[in-house]
């Protein structure tokens, strides 16, 4: 959790060398986004979870969950 105003101040004053945000306090950010002009700040449009790697991790987690549920049902003699 990030205090966006404190982050902007720290970056502007050089107390922090850089930062990157994918999720913002308000989404979508306002048209006159105060963070848009802050130095050394990378802003992404809330897409970090949409990478190929993230998709693979989600697919594996879902497949493992389904396999675990099926194994549990088979062990307990439950049908689907």
Protein backbone atom coordinates (compact mmCIF):
# COMPACT_ATOMS: atom_id res chain seq x y z
CA UNK A 1 0.00 0.00 0.00
CA UNK A 2 1.49 3.32 -1.08
CA UNK A 3 0.71 6.86 -0.04
CA UNK A 4 0.80 8.39 -3.54
CA UNK A 5 1.33 11.96 -2.30
CA UNK A 6 4.25 10.88 -0.09
CA UNK A 7 5.72 8.89 -2.96
CA UNK A 8 5.51 11.89 -5.30
CA UNK A 9 7.19 14.10 -2.70
CA UNK A 10 9.99 11.58 -2.03
CA UNK A 11 10.72 11.17 -5.74
CA UNK A 12 10.57 14.89 -6.47
CA UNK A 13 12.89 15.68 -3.57
CA UNK A 14 15.32 12.91 -4.50
CA UNK A 15 14.81 10.95 -1.28
CA UNK A 16 13.78 7.96 -3.36
CA UNK A 17 15.63 7.00 -6.55
CA UNK A 18 12.68 5.48 -8.41
CA UNK A 19 9.40 3.62 -8.24
CA UNK A 20 6.94 1.74 -10.41
CA UNK A 21 3.18 1.48 -9.91
CA UNK A 22 0.75 -0.84 -11.62
CA UNK A 23 -2.19 -0.36 -9.27
CA UNK A 24 -3.32 3.10 -8.26
CA UNK A 25 -5.44 4.50 -5.45
CA UNK A 26 -8.00 5.70 -8.02
CA UNK A 27 -8.43 3.73 -11.23
CA UNK A 28 -8.50 4.95 -13.82
CA UNK A 29 -6.44 7.92 -12.61
CA UNK A 30 -7.88 11.38 -13.24
CA UNK A 31 -7.12 13.15 -16.53
CA UNK A 32 -4.90 15.62 -14.65
CA UNK A 33 -2.92 12.89 -12.88
CA UNK A 34 -0.53 14.51 -10.38
CA UNK A 35 1.84 11.54 -10.63
CA UNK A 36 2.17 11.80 -14.41
CA UNK A 37 4.93 14.42 -14.15
CA UNK A 38 6.84 12.97 -11.18
CA UNK A 39 10.47 12.13 -12.05
CA UNK A 40 11.75 8.55 -11.94
CA UNK A 41 8.26 7.05 -11.70
CA UNK A 42 7.05 4.34 -14.04
CA UNK A 43 3.27 4.04 -14.33
CA UNK A 44 1.69 1.07 -16.07
CA UNK A 45 -2.01 0.73 -16.95
CA UNK A 46 -2.74 -2.05 -14.43
CA UNK A 47 -1.50 -4.75 -16.77
CA UNK A 48 1.33 -6.41 -14.81
CA UNK A 49 -0.91 -9.42 -14.20
CA UNK A 50 -1.50 -9.89 -17.92
CA UNK A 51 1.97 -11.10 -18.86
CA UNK A 52 2.53 -14.51 -20.41
CA UNK A 53 4.30 -15.63 -17.23
CA UNK A 54 1.38 -14.54 -15.05
CA UNK A 55 -1.05 -16.39 -17.34
CA UNK A 56 0.99 -19.58 -17.02
CA UNK A 57 1.11 -19.25 -13.22
CA UNK A 58 -2.67 -18.80 -13.05
CA UNK A 59 -3.31 -21.74 -15.39
CA UNK A 60 -1.02 -24.01 -13.35
CA UNK A 61 -2.62 -22.92 -10.06
CA UNK A 62 -6.12 -23.60 -11.44
CA UNK A 63 -5.09 -27.01 -12.85
CA UNK A 64 -3.47 -27.97 -9.53
CA UNK A 65 -6.61 -26.90 -7.65
CA UNK A 66 -8.85 -28.96 -9.93
CA UNK A 67 -6.55 -31.99 -9.64
CA UNK A 68 -6.52 -31.68 -5.83
CA UNK A 69 -10.33 -31.45 -5.72
CA UNK A 70 -10.70 -34.50 -7.98
CA UNK A 71 -8.23 -36.51 -5.91
CA UNK A 72 -10.04 -35.55 -2.71
CA UNK A 73 -13.38 -36.54 -4.20
CA UNK A 74 -11.99 -39.88 -5.38
CA UNK A 75 -10.47 -40.61 -1.96
CA UNK A 76 -13.71 -39.74 -0.18
CA UNK A 77 -15.86 -41.67 -2.64
CA UNK A 78 -17.67 -38.54 -3.75
CA UNK A 79 -19.01 -38.17 -7.26
CA UNK A 80 -19.21 -35.12 -9.41
